Amino acid sequence: MHCPHCASATTKEQIRKTTLGYRTFRCSACKRLFNERTGTPFNFLEYPTDVVLLVVLWRLRYKLSLRDLAEIFLERGVTFTYEAVRE
């Protein structure tokens, strides 16, 4: 994986993972830590990328309300409010 900070290809995967379970890496060139989502629009989201993309897909495809989406995911064990979907 290339470093999103300096674009170097000399990175090494670390043992620890983020709180959401993403792999972390250390760049040998600039010595910075980063994860799989660093440099992407999903970097600062509190929820896993697959959940976010599924919410967006269902919202657009099936025209579900924000509250319906929050309720559907609550049944699947993912807890968030309709305001989180709106944001």
PDB file of N, CA and C in Angstrom:
ATOM      1  N   MET A   1       0.853  -1.173   0.000  1.00  0.00           N
ATOM      2  CA  MET A   1       0.000   0.000   0.000  1.00  0.00           C
ATOM      3  C   MET A   1       0.896   1.232   0.000  1.00  0.00           C
ATOM      4  N   HIS A   2       0.547   2.215  -0.784  1.00  0.00           N
ATOM      5  CA  HIS A   2       1.313   3.459  -0.863  1.00  0.00           C
ATOM      6  C   HIS A   2       0.911   4.405   0.263  1.00  0.00           C
ATOM      7  N   CYS A   3       1.874   5.141   0.758  1.00  0.00           N
ATOM      8  CA  CYS A   3       1.635   6.118   1.816  1.00  0.00           C
ATOM      9  C   CYS A   3       0.813   7.282   1.249  1.00  0.00           C
ATOM     10  N   PRO A   4      -0.318   7.639   1.906  1.00  0.00           N
ATOM     11  CA  PRO A   4      -1.120   8.762   1.418  1.00  0.00           C
ATOM     12  C   PRO A   4      -0.472  10.120   1.693  1.00  0.00           C
ATOM     13  N   HIS A   5       0.559  10.151   2.534  1.00  0.00           N
ATOM     14  CA  HIS A   5       1.215  11.407   2.889  1.00  0.00           C
ATOM     15  C   HIS A   5       2.366  11.758   1.948  1.00  0.00           C
ATOM     16  N   CYS A   6       3.203  10.752   1.629  1.00  0.00           N
ATOM     17  CA  CYS A   6       4.373  11.032   0.794  1.00  0.00           C
ATOM     18  C   CYS A   6       4.404  10.186  -0.480  1.00  0.00           C
ATOM     19  N   ALA A   7       3.418   9.313  -0.682  1.00  0.00           N
ATOM     20  CA  ALA A   7       3.273   8.454  -1.864  1.00  0.00           C
ATOM     21  C   ALA A   7       4.381   7.408  -1.992  1.00  0.00           C
ATOM     22  N   SER A   8       5.076   7.137  -0.926  1.00  0.00           N
ATOM     23  CA  SER A   8       6.127   6.122  -0.940  1.00  0.00           C
ATOM     24  C   SER A   8       5.506   4.723  -0.917  1.00  0.00           C
ATOM     25  N   ALA A   9       6.167   3.792  -1.580  1.00  0.00           N
ATOM     26  CA  ALA A   9       5.687   2.409  -1.609  1.00  0.00           C
ATOM     27  C   ALA A   9       6.322   1.569  -0.510  1.00  0.00           C
ATOM     28  N   THR A  10       7.204   2.154   0.266  1.00  0.00           N
ATOM     29  CA  THR A  10       7.899   1.410   1.317  1.00  0.00           C
ATOM     30  C   THR A  10       7.122   1.514   2.627  1.00  0.00           C
ATOM     31  N   THR A  11       6.050   0.768   2.719  1.00  0.00           N
ATOM     32  CA  THR A  11       5.235   0.752   3.925  1.00  0.00           C
ATOM     33  C   THR A  11       5.244  -0.647   4.517  1.00  0.00           C
ATOM     34  N   LYS A  12       4.986  -0.708   5.816  1.00  0.00           N
ATOM     35  CA  LYS A  12       4.968  -1.986   6.503  1.00  0.00           C
ATOM     36  C   LYS A  12       3.693  -2.070   7.330  1.00  0.00           C
ATOM     37  N   GLU A  13       2.991  -3.192   7.198  1.00  0.00           N
ATOM     38  CA  GLU A  13       1.762  -3.375   7.961  1.00  0.00           C
ATOM     39  C   GLU A  13       2.091  -3.598   9.430  1.00  0.00           C
ATOM     40  N   GLN A  14       1.327  -2.972  10.299  1.00  0.00           N
ATOM     41  CA  GLN A  14       1.509  -3.084  11.744  1.00  0.00           C
ATOM     42  C   GLN A  14       0.602  -4.182  12.294  1.00  0.00           C
ATOM     43  N   ILE A  15       0.882  -4.635  13.492  1.00  0.00           N
ATOM     44  CA  ILE A  15       0.087  -5.692  14.117  1.00  0.00           C
ATOM     45  C   ILE A  15      -1.270  -5.165  14.576  1.00  0.00           C
ATOM     46  N   ARG A  16      -1.269  -3.978  15.172  1.00  0.00           N
ATOM     47  CA  ARG A  16      -2.523  -3.447  15.709  1.00  0.00           C
ATOM     48  C   ARG A  16      -3.454  -2.972  14.600  1.00  0.00           C
ATOM     49  N   LYS A  17      -4.725  -2.928  14.942  1.00  0.00           N
ATOM     50  CA  LYS A  17      -5.758  -2.467  14.024  1.00  0.00           C
ATOM     51  C   LYS A  17      -6.479  -1.282  14.655  1.00  0.00           C
ATOM     52  N   THR A  18      -7.248  -0.574  13.854  1.00  0.00           N
ATOM     53  CA  THR A  18      -8.028   0.547  14.378  1.00  0.00           C
ATOM     54  C   THR A  18      -9.203   0.010  15.175  1.00  0.00           C
ATOM     55  N   THR A  19      -9.943   0.881  15.825  1.00  0.00           N
ATOM     56  CA  THR A  19     -11.096   0.445  16.622  1.00  0.00           C
ATOM     57  C   THR A  19     -12.191  -0.161  15.751  1.00  0.00           C
ATOM     58  N   LEU A  20     -12.242   0.225  14.474  1.00  0.00           N
ATOM     59  CA  LEU A  20     -13.222  -0.358  13.561  1.00  0.00           C
ATOM     60  C   LEU A  20     -12.685  -1.602  12.846  1.00  0.00           C
ATOM     61  N   GLY A  21     -11.442  -1.975  13.144  1.00  0.00           N
ATOM     62  CA  GLY A  21     -10.887  -3.200  12.584  1.00  0.00           C
ATOM     63  C   GLY A  21     -10.093  -3.043  11.303  1.00  0.00           C
ATOM     64  N   TYR A  22      -9.720  -1.820  10.955  1.00  0.00           N
ATOM     65  CA  TYR A  22      -8.944  -1.599   9.737  1.00  0.00           C
ATOM     66  C   TYR A  22      -7.454  -1.785  10.003  1.00  0.00           C
ATOM     67  N   ARG A  23      -6.746  -2.286   9.009  1.00  0.00           N
ATOM     68  CA  ARG A  23      -5.308  -2.499   9.132  1.00  0.00           C
ATOM     69  C   ARG A  23      -4.578  -1.160   9.221  1.00  0.00           C
ATOM     70  N   THR A  24      -3.479  -1.120   9.977  1.00  0.00           N
ATOM     71  CA  THR A  24      -2.651   0.081  10.071  1.00  0.00           C
ATOM     72  C   THR A  24      -1.295  -0.196   9.442  1.00  0.00           C
ATOM     73  N   PHE A  25      -0.676   0.860   8.937  1.00  0.00           N
ATOM     74  CA  PHE A  25       0.599   0.767   8.254  1.00  0.00           C
ATOM     75  C   PHE A  25       1.529   1.859   8.761  1.00  0.00           C
ATOM     76  N   ARG A  26       2.847   1.656   8.606  1.00  0.00           N
ATOM     77  CA  ARG A  26       3.848   2.677   8.912  1.00  0.00           C
ATOM     78  C   ARG A  26       4.687   2.877   7.665  1.00  0.00           C
ATOM     79  N   CYS A  27       4.862   4.122   7.280  1.00  0.00           N
ATOM     80  CA  CYS A  27       5.675   4.464   6.118  1.00  0.00           C
ATOM     81  C   CYS A  27       7.143   4.513   6.544  1.00  0.00           C
ATOM     82  N   SER A  28       8.003   3.848   5.786  1.00  0.00           N
ATOM     83  CA  SER A  28       9.438   3.854   6.100  1.00  0.00           C
ATOM     84  C   SER A  28      10.089   5.182   5.720  1.00  0.00           C
ATOM     85  N   ALA A  29       9.516   5.881   4.759  1.00  0.00           N
ATOM     86  CA  ALA A  29      10.107   7.136   4.292  1.00  0.00           C
ATOM     87  C   ALA A  29       9.793   8.301   5.232  1.00  0.00           C
ATOM     88  N   CYS A  30       8.508   8.513   5.532  1.00  0.00           N
ATOM     89  CA  CYS A  30       8.134   9.671   6.363  1.00  0.00           C
ATOM     90  C   CYS A  30       7.814   9.291   7.810  1.00  0.00           C
ATOM     91  N   LYS A  31       7.843   7.999   8.131  1.00  0.00           N
ATOM     92  CA  LYS A  31       7.647   7.493   9.499  1.00  0.00           C
ATOM     93  C   LYS A  31       6.265   7.785  10.072  1.00  0.00           C
ATOM     94  N   ARG A  32       5.262   7.967   9.215  1.00  0.00           N
ATOM     95  CA  ARG A  32       3.916   8.266   9.695  1.00  0.00           C
ATOM     96  C   ARG A  32       3.061   7.005   9.706  1.00  0.00           C
ATOM     97  N   LEU A  33       2.119   6.961  10.645  1.00  0.00           N
ATOM     98  CA  LEU A  33       1.154   5.871  10.712  1.00  0.00           C
ATOM     99  C   LEU A  33      -0.089   6.256   9.917  1.00  0.00           C
ATOM    100  N   PHE A  34      -0.699   5.277   9.257  1.00  0.00           N
ATOM    101  CA  PHE A  34      -1.950   5.508   8.550  1.00  0.00           C
ATOM    102  C   PHE A  34      -2.701   4.193   8.468  1.00  0.00           C
ATOM    103  N   ASN A  35      -3.974   4.263   8.103  1.00  0.00           N
ATOM    104  CA  ASN A  35      -4.763   3.047   7.955  1.00  0.00           C
ATOM    105  C   ASN A  35      -5.344   2.969   6.549  1.00  0.00           C
ATOM    106  N   GLU A  36      -6.168   1.953   6.321  1.00  0.00           N
ATOM    107  CA  GLU A  36      -6.725   1.728   4.988  1.00  0.00           C
ATOM    108  C   GLU A  36      -7.615   2.877   4.517  1.00  0.00           C
ATOM    109  N   ARG A  37      -8.231   3.596   5.437  1.00  0.00           N
ATOM    110  CA  ARG A  37      -9.149   4.670   5.066  1.00  0.00           C
ATOM    111  C   ARG A  37      -8.508   6.049   5.021  1.00  0.00           C
ATOM    112  N   THR A  38      -7.262   6.187   5.411  1.00  0.00           N
ATOM    113  CA  THR A  38      -6.592   7.480   5.401  1.00  0.00           C
ATOM    114  C   THR A  38      -6.535   8.014   3.976  1.00  0.00           C
ATOM    115  N   GLY A  39      -6.917   9.257   3.821  1.00  0.00           N
ATOM    116  CA  GLY A  39      -6.890   9.881   2.502  1.00  0.00           C
ATOM    117  C   GLY A  39      -8.147   9.653   1.692  1.00  0.00           C
ATOM    118  N   THR A  40      -9.164   8.998   2.268  1.00  0.00           N
ATOM    119  CA  THR A  40     -10.419   8.756   1.565  1.00  0.00           C
ATOM    120  C   THR A  40     -11.517   9.602   2.208  1.00  0.00           C
ATOM    121  N   PRO A  41     -12.633   9.772   1.523  1.00  0.00           N
ATOM    122  CA  PRO A  41     -13.743  10.513   2.133  1.00  0.00           C
ATOM    123  C   PRO A  41     -14.334   9.818   3.363  1.00  0.00           C
ATOM    124  N   PHE A  42     -14.044   8.528   3.544  1.00  0.00           N
ATOM    125  CA  PHE A  42     -14.590   7.771   4.667  1.00  0.00           C
ATOM    126  C   PHE A  42     -13.715   7.829   5.908  1.00  0.00           C
ATOM    127  N   ASN A  43     -12.638   8.564   5.880  1.00  0.00           N
ATOM    128  CA  ASN A  43     -11.656   8.541   6.954  1.00  0.00           C
ATOM    129  C   ASN A  43     -12.220   8.948   8.312  1.00  0.00           C
ATOM    130  N   PHE A  44     -13.079   9.936   8.373  1.00  0.00           N
ATOM    131  CA  PHE A  44     -13.534  10.455   9.662  1.00  0.00           C
ATOM    132  C   PHE A  44     -14.911   9.942  10.068  1.00  0.00           C
ATOM    133  N   LEU A  45     -15.420   8.927   9.383  1.00  0.00           N
ATOM    134  CA  LEU A  45     -16.716   8.369   9.737  1.00  0.00           C
ATOM    135  C   LEU A  45     -16.579   7.423  10.929  1.00  0.00           C
ATOM    136  N   GLU A  46     -17.608   7.376  11.749  1.00  0.00           N
ATOM    137  CA  GLU A  46     -17.588   6.538  12.942  1.00  0.00           C
ATOM    138  C   GLU A  46     -18.042   5.110  12.667  1.00  0.00           C
ATOM    139  N   TYR A  47     -18.523   4.850  11.460  1.00  0.00           N
ATOM    140  CA  TYR A  47     -19.077   3.551  11.119  1.00  0.00           C
ATOM    141  C   TYR A  47     -18.259   2.901  10.012  1.00  0.00           C
ATOM    142  N   PRO A  48     -18.270   1.570   9.945  1.00  0.00           N
ATOM    143  CA  PRO A  48     -17.516   0.882   8.895  1.00  0.00           C
ATOM    144  C   PRO A  48     -17.982   1.289   7.490  1.00  0.00           C
ATOM    145  N   THR A  49     -17.073   1.249   6.553  1.00  0.00           N
ATOM    146  CA  THR A  49     -17.353   1.680   5.188  1.00  0.00           C
ATOM    147  C   THR A  49     -18.472   0.874   4.555  1.00  0.00           C
ATOM    148  N   ASP A  50     -18.499  -0.436   4.781  1.00  0.00           N
ATOM    149  CA  ASP A  50     -19.533  -1.254   4.155  1.00  0.00           C
ATOM    150  C   ASP A  50     -20.927  -0.890   4.654  1.00  0.00           C
ATOM    151  N   VAL A  51     -21.057  -0.521   5.923  1.00  0.00           N
ATOM    152  CA  VAL A  51     -22.351  -0.101   6.463  1.00  0.00           C
ATOM    153  C   VAL A  51     -22.767   1.234   5.844  1.00  0.00           C
ATOM    154  N   VAL A  52     -21.843   2.156   5.726  1.00  0.00           N
ATOM    155  CA  VAL A  52     -22.143   3.469   5.145  1.00  0.00           C
ATOM    156  C   VAL A  52     -22.609   3.318   3.694  1.00  0.00           C
ATOM    157  N   LEU A  53     -21.894   2.521   2.927  1.00  0.00           N
ATOM    158  CA  LEU A  53     -22.269   2.337   1.523  1.00  0.00           C
ATOM    159  C   LEU A  53     -23.612   1.638   1.383  1.00  0.00           C
ATOM    160  N   LEU A  54     -23.905   0.698   2.263  1.00  0.00           N
ATOM    161  CA  LEU A  54     -25.194   0.012   2.220  1.00  0.00           C
ATOM    162  C   LEU A  54     -26.335   0.961   2.568  1.00  0.00           C
ATOM    163  N   VAL A  55     -26.138   1.826   3.548  1.00  0.00           N
ATOM    164  CA  VAL A  55     -27.157   2.821   3.905  1.00  0.00           C
ATOM    165  C   VAL A  55     -27.418   3.754   2.729  1.00  0.00           C
ATOM    166  N   VAL A  56     -26.369   4.221   2.085  1.00  0.00           N
ATOM    167  CA  VAL A  56     -26.534   5.127   0.939  1.00  0.00           C
ATOM    168  C   VAL A  56     -27.245   4.411  -0.207  1.00  0.00           C
ATOM    169  N   LEU A  57     -26.860   3.170  -0.485  1.00  0.00           N
ATOM    170  CA  LEU A  57     -27.502   2.402  -1.556  1.00  0.00           C
ATOM    171  C   LEU A  57     -28.982   2.217  -1.291  1.00  0.00           C
ATOM    172  N   TRP A  58     -29.334   1.790  -0.078  1.00  0.00           N
ATOM    173  CA  TRP A  58     -30.744   1.574   0.241  1.00  0.00           C
ATOM    174  C   TRP A  58     -31.527   2.871   0.253  1.00  0.00           C
ATOM    175  N   ARG A  59     -30.902   3.950   0.698  1.00  0.00           N
ATOM    176  CA  ARG A  59     -31.586   5.255   0.719  1.00  0.00           C
ATOM    177  C   ARG A  59     -31.930   5.705  -0.703  1.00  0.00           C
ATOM    178  N   LEU A  60     -30.992   5.539  -1.623  1.00  0.00           N
ATOM    179  CA  LEU A  60     -31.208   5.986  -2.993  1.00  0.00           C
ATOM    180  C   LEU A  60     -32.046   4.999  -3.803  1.00  0.00           C
ATOM    181  N   ARG A  61     -31.792   3.711  -3.643  1.00  0.00           N
ATOM    182  CA  ARG A  61     -32.454   2.707  -4.466  1.00  0.00           C
ATOM    183  C   ARG A  61     -33.898   2.489  -4.054  1.00  0.00           C
ATOM    184  N   TYR A  62     -34.148   2.350  -2.765  1.00  0.00           N
ATOM    185  CA  TYR A  62     -35.491   2.019  -2.287  1.00  0.00           C
ATOM    186  C   TYR A  62     -36.231   3.205  -1.696  1.00  0.00           C
ATOM    187  N   LYS A  63     -35.597   4.381  -1.711  1.00  0.00           N
ATOM    188  CA  LYS A  63     -36.207   5.614  -1.221  1.00  0.00           C
ATOM    189  C   LYS A  63     -36.772   5.456   0.195  1.00  0.00           C
ATOM    190  N   LEU A  64     -35.964   4.838   1.065  1.00  0.00           N
ATOM    191  CA  LEU A  64     -36.365   4.654   2.456  1.00  0.00           C
ATOM    192  C   LEU A  64     -36.141   5.950   3.230  1.00  0.00           C
ATOM    193  N   SER A  65     -36.939   6.141   4.263  1.00  0.00           N
ATOM    194  CA  SER A  65     -36.757   7.330   5.097  1.00  0.00           C
ATOM    195  C   SER A  65     -35.544   7.123   6.004  1.00  0.00           C
ATOM    196  N   LEU A  66     -35.073   8.208   6.586  1.00  0.00           N
ATOM    197  CA  LEU A  66     -33.934   8.134   7.489  1.00  0.00           C
ATOM    198  C   LEU A  66     -34.243   7.275   8.708  1.00  0.00           C
ATOM    199  N   ARG A  67     -35.462   7.416   9.216  1.00  0.00           N
ATOM    200  CA  ARG A  67     -35.860   6.631  10.386  1.00  0.00           C
ATOM    201  C   ARG A  67     -36.000   5.152  10.037  1.00  0.00           C
ATOM    202  N   ASP A  68     -36.493   4.847   8.823  1.00  0.00           N
ATOM    203  CA  ASP A  68     -36.593   3.445   8.395  1.00  0.00           C
ATOM    204  C   ASP A  68     -35.211   2.803   8.317  1.00  0.00           C
ATOM    205  N   LEU A  69     -34.244   3.513   7.787  1.00  0.00           N
ATOM    206  CA  LEU A  69     -32.892   2.976   7.681  1.00  0.00           C
ATOM    207  C   LEU A  69     -32.289   2.702   9.055  1.00  0.00           C
ATOM    208  N   ALA A  70     -32.477   3.635   9.979  1.00  0.00           N
ATOM    209  CA  ALA A  70     -31.964   3.437  11.333  1.00  0.00           C
ATOM    210  C   ALA A  70     -32.621   2.221  11.986  1.00  0.00           C
ATOM    211  N   GLU A  71     -33.920   2.027  11.754  1.00  0.00           N
ATOM    212  CA  GLU A  71     -34.634   0.891  12.332  1.00  0.00           C
ATOM    213  C   GLU A  71     -34.188  -0.437  11.707  1.00  0.00           C
ATOM    214  N   ILE A  72     -33.996  -0.466  10.393  1.00  0.00           N
ATOM    215  CA  ILE A  72     -33.553  -1.683   9.715  1.00  0.00           C
ATOM    216  C   ILE A  72     -32.182  -2.111  10.236  1.00  0.00           C
ATOM    217  N   PHE A  73     -31.275  -1.168  10.369  1.00  0.00           N
ATOM    218  CA  PHE A  73     -29.937  -1.515  10.833  1.00  0.00           C
ATOM    219  C   PHE A  73     -29.920  -1.840  12.319  1.00  0.00           C
ATOM    220  N   LEU A  74     -30.839  -1.288  13.088  1.00  0.00           N
ATOM    221  CA  LEU A  74     -30.948  -1.649  14.497  1.00  0.00           C
ATOM    222  C   LEU A  74     -31.286  -3.132  14.639  1.00  0.00           C
ATOM    223  N   GLU A  75     -32.159  -3.635  13.758  1.00  0.00           N
ATOM    224  CA  GLU A  75     -32.502  -5.058  13.767  1.00  0.00           C
ATOM    225  C   GLU A  75     -31.302  -5.922  13.394  1.00  0.00           C
ATOM    226  N   ARG A  76     -30.353  -5.363  12.643  1.00  0.00           N
ATOM    227  CA  ARG A  76     -29.148  -6.096  12.256  1.00  0.00           C
ATOM    228  C   ARG A  76     -28.015  -5.932  13.264  1.00  0.00           C
ATOM    229  N   GLY A  77     -28.238  -5.146  14.307  1.00  0.00           N
ATOM    230  CA  GLY A  77     -27.238  -4.997  15.363  1.00  0.00           C
ATOM    231  C   GLY A  77     -26.338  -3.781  15.226  1.00  0.00           C
ATOM    232  N   VAL A  78     -26.621  -2.906  14.264  1.00  0.00           N
ATOM    233  CA  VAL A  78     -25.838  -1.679  14.085  1.00  0.00           C
ATOM    234  C   VAL A  78     -26.695  -0.527  14.591  1.00  0.00           C
ATOM    235  N   THR A  79     -26.205   0.170  15.617  1.00  0.00           N
ATOM    236  CA  THR A  79     -26.997   1.215  16.259  1.00  0.00           C
ATOM    237  C   THR A  79     -26.528   2.596  15.827  1.00  0.00           C
ATOM    238  N   PHE A  80     -27.414   3.370  15.243  1.00  0.00           N
ATOM    239  CA  PHE A  80     -27.185   4.777  14.954  1.00  0.00           C
ATOM    240  C   PHE A  80     -28.531   5.458  14.830  1.00  0.00           C
ATOM    241  N   THR A  81     -28.545   6.770  14.904  1.00  0.00           N
ATOM    242  CA  THR A  81     -29.793   7.523  14.824  1.00  0.00           C
ATOM    243  C   THR A  81     -30.055   7.946  13.386  1.00  0.00           C
ATOM    244  N   TYR A  82     -31.267   8.395  13.137  1.00  0.00           N
ATOM    245  CA  TYR A  82     -31.596   8.884  11.805  1.00  0.00           C
ATOM    246  C   TYR A  82     -30.790  10.142  11.481  1.00  0.00           C
ATOM    247  N   GLU A  83     -30.382  10.882  12.506  1.00  0.00           N
ATOM    248  CA  GLU A  83     -29.560  12.072  12.278  1.00  0.00           C
ATOM    249  C   GLU A  83     -28.180  11.707  11.772  1.00  0.00           C
ATOM    250  N   ALA A  84     -27.659  10.553  12.201  1.00  0.00           N
ATOM    251  CA  ALA A  84     -26.367  10.067  11.684  1.00  0.00           C
ATOM    252  C   ALA A  84     -26.474   9.743  10.207  1.00  0.00           C
ATOM    253  N   VAL A  85     -27.606   9.202   9.792  1.00  0.00           N
ATOM    254  CA  VAL A  85     -27.836   8.902   8.368  1.00  0.00           C
ATOM    255  C   VAL A  85     -27.890  10.205   7.577  1.00  0.00           C
ATOM    256  N   ARG A  86     -28.544  11.193   8.129  1.00  0.00           N
ATOM    257  CA  ARG A  86     -28.660  12.494   7.437  1.00  0.00           C
ATOM    258  C   ARG A  86     -27.299  13.135   7.227  1.00  0.00           C
ATOM    259  N   GLU A  87     -26.426  13.029   8.248  1.00  0.00           N
ATOM    260  CA  GLU A  87     -25.101  13.631   8.147  1.00  0.00           C
ATOM    261  C   GLU A  87     -24.238  12.886   7.158  1.00  0.00           C
TER     262      GLU A  87
END
